[in-house]
Protein backbone atom coordinates (compact mmCIF):
# COMPACT_ATOMS: atom_id res chain seq x y z
CA MET A 1 0.00 0.00 0.00
CA THR A 2 1.46 3.36 -1.02
CA ALA A 3 1.56 6.35 1.32
CA SER A 4 -1.16 8.12 -0.64
CA THR A 5 -3.40 5.05 -0.55
CA LYS A 6 -2.81 4.70 3.18
CA ASP A 7 -3.82 8.30 3.71
CA LEU A 8 -7.06 7.63 1.85
CA ALA A 9 -7.85 4.62 3.99
CA THR A 10 -7.03 5.79 7.53
CA PRO A 11 -9.53 5.98 9.10
CA ALA A 12 -12.22 5.17 6.52
CA VAL A 13 -14.99 7.23 8.13
CA PHE A 14 -12.77 10.32 7.86
CA GLY A 15 -11.37 9.29 4.48
CA LEU A 16 -11.17 11.49 1.43
CA PRO A 17 -14.55 10.39 -0.05
CA ASN A 18 -16.44 11.53 3.07
CA GLN A 19 -14.36 14.72 3.21
CA LEU A 20 -15.37 15.46 -0.39
CA THR A 21 -19.02 14.81 0.45
CA THR A 22 -18.79 17.21 3.39
CA ALA A 23 -17.14 19.77 1.12
CA ARG A 24 -20.10 19.36 -1.27
CA LEU A 25 -22.46 20.38 1.54
CA ALA A 26 -20.31 23.45 2.20
CA LEU A 27 -20.33 24.25 -1.52
CA ALA A 28 -24.14 24.00 -1.46
CA VAL A 29 -24.27 26.85 1.07
CA VAL A 30 -21.89 28.91 -1.09
CA LEU A 31 -23.99 28.12 -4.17
CA PHE A 32 -27.24 29.21 -2.53
CA VAL A 33 -25.72 32.48 -1.25
CA LEU A 34 -24.28 33.28 -4.69
CA MET A 35 -27.63 32.56 -6.37
CA SER A 36 -29.49 34.67 -3.82
CA PHE A 37 -27.23 37.64 -4.57
CA LYS A 38 -27.45 37.04 -8.35
CA PHE A 39 -23.78 36.16 -8.82
CA TYR A 40 -24.79 33.57 -11.39
CA GLN A 41 -21.40 33.05 -13.02
CA TRP A 42 -19.78 32.28 -9.66
CA ALA A 43 -22.79 30.15 -8.76
CA LEU A 44 -22.14 28.16 -11.94
CA VAL A 45 -18.54 27.54 -10.83
CA ALA A 46 -19.72 26.43 -7.37
CA PHE A 47 -22.31 24.06 -8.84
CA VAL A 48 -19.85 22.47 -11.30
CA LEU A 49 -17.37 21.92 -8.44
CA ALA A 50 -20.11 20.36 -6.31
CA ALA A 51 -21.16 18.06 -9.16
CA ALA A 52 -17.54 17.06 -9.73
CA THR A 53 -17.09 16.07 -6.07
CA ASP A 54 -20.20 13.87 -6.39
CA TRP A 55 -18.50 11.82 -9.10
CA LEU A 56 -15.08 11.89 -7.43
CA ASP A 57 -16.11 10.77 -3.95
CA GLY A 58 -17.97 7.75 -5.32
CA TYR A 59 -15.06 6.82 -7.57
CA LEU A 60 -12.53 7.01 -4.72
CA ALA A 61 -14.79 5.11 -2.30
CA ARG A 62 -15.18 2.22 -4.76
CA LYS A 63 -11.57 2.19 -5.97
CA TYR A 64 -10.00 2.14 -2.50
CA GLY A 65 -12.71 0.20 -0.63
CA LEU A 66 -13.68 3.23 1.48
CA ILE A 67 -17.45 2.75 1.36
CA THR A 68 -18.81 3.55 4.82
CA THR A 69 -22.25 3.69 6.42
CA LEU A 70 -21.78 7.43 6.93
CA GLY A 71 -20.91 7.84 3.26
CA ARG A 72 -23.97 5.87 2.14
CA ILE A 73 -26.15 8.25 4.14
CA LEU A 74 -24.29 11.51 3.56
CA ASP A 75 -23.62 11.19 -0.19
CA PRO A 76 -27.24 11.01 -1.42
CA PHE A 77 -28.24 13.60 1.18
CA ALA A 78 -25.62 16.03 -0.18
CA ASP A 79 -26.76 15.30 -3.75
CA LYS A 80 -30.36 16.13 -2.93
CA ILE A 81 -29.46 19.31 -1.04
CA VAL A 82 -27.36 20.63 -3.94
CA VAL A 83 -29.68 19.69 -6.80
CA CYS A 84 -33.09 20.24 -5.18
CA GLY A 85 -31.90 23.47 -3.54
CA ALA A 86 -30.59 24.77 -6.87
CA PHE A 87 -33.89 23.95 -8.62
CA ILE A 88 -35.94 25.63 -5.87
CA LEU A 89 -33.85 28.80 -6.06
CA LEU A 90 -33.93 28.81 -9.87
CA ALA A 91 -37.73 28.49 -9.90
CA ALA A 92 -37.98 31.51 -7.58
CA ILE A 93 -36.19 33.75 -10.13
CA PRO A 94 -38.77 35.57 -12.31
CA GLU A 95 -36.67 35.24 -15.51
CA MET A 96 -36.71 31.46 -15.11
CA GLN A 97 -40.46 31.00 -14.71
CA PRO A 98 -41.19 30.48 -18.43
CA TYR A 99 -38.56 27.73 -18.54
CA LEU A 100 -38.80 26.18 -15.07
CA PRO A 101 -42.31 26.53 -13.60
CA ALA A 102 -42.82 25.59 -9.97
CA TRP A 103 -44.75 22.39 -10.79
CA MET A 104 -41.64 20.92 -12.41
CA VAL A 105 -39.65 21.51 -9.23
CA VAL A 106 -42.42 19.89 -7.18
CA ILE A 107 -42.07 16.75 -9.36
CA ILE A 108 -38.29 16.71 -8.96
CA VAL A 109 -38.29 17.25 -5.19
CA GLY A 110 -41.26 14.91 -4.65
CA ARG A 111 -39.55 12.09 -6.52
CA GLU A 112 -36.38 12.52 -4.44
CA LEU A 113 -38.34 12.39 -1.19
CA LEU A 114 -40.27 9.31 -2.31
CA VAL A 115 -37.19 7.35 -3.39
CA THR A 116 -35.32 8.34 -0.22
CA ALA A 117 -38.21 7.09 1.92
CA LEU A 118 -38.45 3.82 -0.03
CA ARG A 119 -34.68 3.24 0.14
CA SER A 120 -34.60 3.87 3.88
CA PHE A 121 -37.48 1.48 4.56
CA LEU A 122 -36.29 -1.31 2.28
CA GLU A 123 -32.68 -1.21 3.42
CA GLN A 124 -33.88 -1.43 7.03
CA GLN A 125 -35.60 -4.64 5.93
CA GLY A 126 -32.28 -5.92 4.55
CA GLN A 127 -33.25 -5.41 0.88
CA ASP A 128 -30.85 -4.07 -1.76
CA PHE A 129 -32.28 -0.84 -3.18
CA SER A 130 -29.21 0.48 -4.96
CA ALA A 131 -29.30 3.17 -7.62
CA VAL A 132 -30.33 2.03 -11.10
CA MET A 133 -29.08 3.40 -14.42
CA SER A 134 -32.16 5.56 -15.01
CA GLY A 135 -31.53 7.20 -11.64
CA LYS A 136 -27.93 7.99 -12.57
CA LEU A 137 -28.98 9.39 -15.95
CA LYS A 138 -31.64 11.44 -14.20
CA MET A 139 -29.00 12.98 -11.96
CA GLY A 140 -26.89 13.83 -14.99
CA LEU A 141 -29.77 15.55 -16.78
CA GLN A 142 -30.79 17.42 -13.63
CA CYS A 143 -27.24 18.75 -13.29
CA ALA A 144 -27.25 19.72 -16.97
CA ALA A 145 -30.53 21.61 -16.45
CA VAL A 146 -29.16 23.55 -13.47
CA ILE A 147 -26.00 24.40 -15.41
CA ALA A 148 -28.09 25.55 -18.40
CA GLY A 149 -30.21 27.69 -16.07
CA LEU A 150 -27.18 29.36 -14.52
CA VAL A 151 -25.61 29.96 -17.96
CA PHE A 152 -28.91 31.51 -19.14
CA LEU A 153 -29.03 33.80 -16.09
CA SER A 154 -25.41 34.85 -16.63
CA TYR A 155 -26.53 36.89 -19.64
CA PRO A 156 -28.37 40.22 -19.26
CA ALA A 157 -32.15 39.81 -19.46
CA GLY A 158 -33.26 38.98 -22.99
CA GLU A 159 -29.72 38.67 -24.35
CA ALA A 160 -29.06 34.94 -23.97
CA PRO A 161 -28.26 33.30 -27.35
CA GLN A 162 -30.90 31.04 -28.82
CA TRP A 163 -28.78 27.93 -28.34
CA VAL A 164 -28.67 28.65 -24.58
CA THR A 165 -32.45 29.01 -24.47
CA TYR A 166 -33.00 25.82 -26.47
CA THR A 167 -30.52 23.95 -24.28
CA LEU A 168 -32.33 25.18 -21.19
CA TYR A 169 -35.71 24.02 -22.52
CA GLY A 170 -34.34 20.64 -23.59
CA THR A 171 -32.46 19.85 -20.40
CA VAL A 172 -35.28 20.97 -18.10
CA TRP A 173 -37.92 18.91 -19.91
CA GLY A 174 -35.53 15.99 -20.25
CA ALA A 175 -34.75 16.14 -16.53
CA VAL A 176 -38.43 16.23 -15.56
CA LEU A 177 -39.40 13.35 -17.87
CA LEU A 178 -36.47 11.20 -16.77
CA THR A 179 -37.22 12.07 -13.14
CA LEU A 180 -40.75 10.72 -13.62
CA TYR A 181 -39.51 7.63 -15.48
CA SER A 182 -36.87 6.76 -12.91
CA GLY A 183 -39.34 7.38 -10.09
CA VAL A 184 -41.74 4.88 -11.61
CA ALA A 185 -38.86 2.40 -12.07
CA TYR A 186 -37.94 2.68 -8.39
CA VAL A 187 -41.55 2.27 -7.28
CA ARG A 188 -41.92 -0.87 -9.41
CA THR A 189 -38.71 -2.27 -7.91
CA ALA A 190 -39.97 -1.46 -4.42
CA ILE A 191 -43.31 -3.18 -5.09
CA SER A 192 -41.56 -6.31 -6.37
CA LEU A 193 -39.28 -6.41 -3.30
CA LEU A 194 -42.19 -5.92 -0.93
CA SER A 195 -44.23 -8.59 -2.71
CA ALA A 196 -41.46 -11.21 -2.59
């Protein structure tokens, strides 16, 4: 074991993956403050960094065997805080209302709450309720929609290029539809596990 690998693994609960997850929560606070004060370009940087830590902490945890109970709880919690919080703040901005109406955010947040509740219950029963591919793709499209929204807001009102507007429409609708699809997939999995 190399020195760098040893540093990653000692002790696991305080390992680099969990540190990155904690940093993502701190970045969420920075992101929300920046959005509240309309520093959209800096908010975009904060969100991209937060999304990058989401990929990196999972990769490191799997590669070095640093998966912990704390990480399994904290990682999805941090994801939901960052993404759902960003969508809620975006929907509250008047310029975003034609592209991201409140009902879309209700669907996104409601699906996250439902899947979290199902996962918690089923894993307490000893069932495996791991993320499925549609859930991972959903997360990717949700992140793309937030990024598109922040890019759109970075331009003065009415001056965003058409490609930015079209990208915003496409990613938001794609995120909502895939959120619904993955939610149904998780519910069907839950029903089959409960019926077994």
